[in-house]
Amino acid sequence: MNNLGYQLLGYKKIAEAMVVFQRNVELYHASANVYDSLGDGYEADGKLELATKNVQKAVEVGTKIDDPNLGAYKEHLKRLIAKANASVKPGGLAAH
């Protein structure tokens, strides 16, 4: 199911990919990977705050279940935070 979401992202069908990623979270909420993938979808859609929240959830779940991809989720989170901070306009406030 996750692969389908990424295929749809590859075809720039973001709305359809988001439906797949969200359904994947509903079905497999104990998996860290599904939250990371949903974060990728939100990132592709330009919704950095929602992307960050979902990747934070991936780190949280990944920590709890000792996910072997935890390091990748943490790196993804760092990149998202840096991207969000870089997108703040001069004189604007950064979201925390």
Protein backbone atom coordinates (compact mmCIF):
# COMPACT_ATOMS: atom_id res chain seq x y z
CA MET A 1 0.00 0.00 0.00
CA ASN A 2 2.85 2.34 0.86
CA ASN A 3 4.42 1.68 -2.54
CA LEU A 4 1.19 2.74 -4.23
CA GLY A 5 1.28 6.03 -2.35
CA TYR A 6 4.84 6.69 -3.52
CA GLN A 7 3.95 5.73 -7.10
CA LEU A 8 1.13 8.27 -7.01
CA LEU A 9 3.53 10.91 -5.63
CA GLY A 10 5.88 10.10 -8.49
CA TYR A 11 3.07 10.85 -10.94
CA LYS A 12 2.37 14.13 -9.09
CA LYS A 13 -1.02 12.79 -7.98
CA ILE A 14 -0.62 14.22 -4.50
CA ALA A 15 -4.28 14.17 -3.46
CA GLU A 16 -4.59 10.50 -4.39
CA ALA A 17 -1.31 9.66 -2.65
CA MET A 18 -2.53 11.40 0.49
CA VAL A 19 -5.66 9.25 0.57
CA VAL A 20 -3.49 6.13 0.36
CA PHE A 21 -1.03 7.32 3.03
CA GLN A 22 -3.85 8.35 5.38
CA ARG A 23 -5.58 5.00 4.95
CA ASN A 24 -2.28 3.26 5.61
CA VAL A 25 -2.01 5.11 8.94
CA GLU A 26 -5.54 4.04 9.83
CA LEU A 27 -4.76 0.40 9.09
CA TYR A 28 -1.25 0.24 10.54
CA HIS A 29 -1.14 2.91 13.25
CA ALA A 30 1.47 0.93 15.23
CA SER A 31 3.97 1.31 12.36
CA ALA A 32 6.42 4.21 12.40
CA ASN A 33 6.95 3.96 8.65
CA VAL A 34 3.36 4.88 7.79
CA TYR A 35 3.68 8.18 9.65
CA ASP A 36 6.97 8.94 7.92
CA SER A 37 5.33 8.24 4.56
CA LEU A 38 2.37 10.46 5.41
CA GLY A 39 4.93 13.12 6.29
CA ASP A 40 6.48 12.70 2.84
CA GLY A 41 3.05 13.23 1.30
CA TYR A 42 2.41 16.40 3.28
CA GLU A 43 5.89 17.63 2.42
CA ALA A 44 5.21 17.06 -1.29
CA ASP A 45 1.99 19.02 -0.82
CA GLY A 46 3.90 21.93 0.76
CA LYS A 47 2.29 21.39 4.17
CA LEU A 48 5.45 21.44 6.26
CA GLU A 49 3.73 21.75 9.64
CA LEU A 50 1.65 18.61 9.04
CA ALA A 51 4.68 16.85 7.57
CA THR A 52 6.69 17.68 10.68
CA LYS A 53 3.94 16.47 13.02
CA ASN A 54 3.71 13.13 11.24
CA VAL A 55 7.45 12.58 11.11
CA GLN A 56 7.62 13.44 14.82
CA LYS A 57 5.01 10.72 15.32
CA ALA A 58 7.19 8.33 13.28
CA VAL A 59 10.11 9.07 15.62
CA GLU A 60 7.87 8.58 18.67
CA VAL A 61 6.46 5.26 17.45
CA GLY A 62 9.84 4.17 16.11
CA THR A 63 11.44 4.81 19.50
CA LYS A 64 8.72 2.83 21.26
CA ILE A 65 9.01 -0.20 18.98
CA ASP A 66 12.79 0.02 18.43
CA ASP A 67 12.30 0.49 14.68
CA PRO A 68 15.47 -0.19 12.68
CA ASN A 69 14.73 2.91 10.55
CA LEU A 70 14.60 5.27 13.54
CA GLY A 71 17.77 7.06 12.43
CA ALA A 72 16.23 7.79 9.03
CA TYR A 73 13.08 9.18 10.65
CA LYS A 74 15.18 11.45 12.87
CA GLU A 75 17.14 12.70 9.85
CA HIS A 76 13.88 13.33 7.98
CA LEU A 77 12.61 15.33 10.94
CA LYS A 78 15.79 17.43 11.01
CA ARG A 79 15.47 18.17 7.28
CA LEU A 80 11.82 19.18 7.68
CA ILE A 81 12.57 21.51 10.57
CA ALA A 82 15.40 23.13 8.59
CA LYS A 83 13.15 23.45 5.54
CA ALA A 84 10.36 25.01 7.61
CA ASN A 85 12.77 27.47 9.22
CA ALA A 86 14.22 28.40 5.82
CA SER A 87 10.75 29.12 4.48
CA VAL A 88 10.02 31.73 7.15
CA LYS A 89 9.97 35.23 5.65
CA PRO A 90 12.42 37.80 7.04
CA GLY A 91 10.80 39.50 10.00
CA GLY A 92 8.33 36.63 10.37
CA LEU A 93 8.05 34.22 13.25
CA ALA A 94 9.23 30.65 12.98
CA ALA A 95 6.70 28.00 13.94
CA HIS A 96 7.80 25.87 16.88
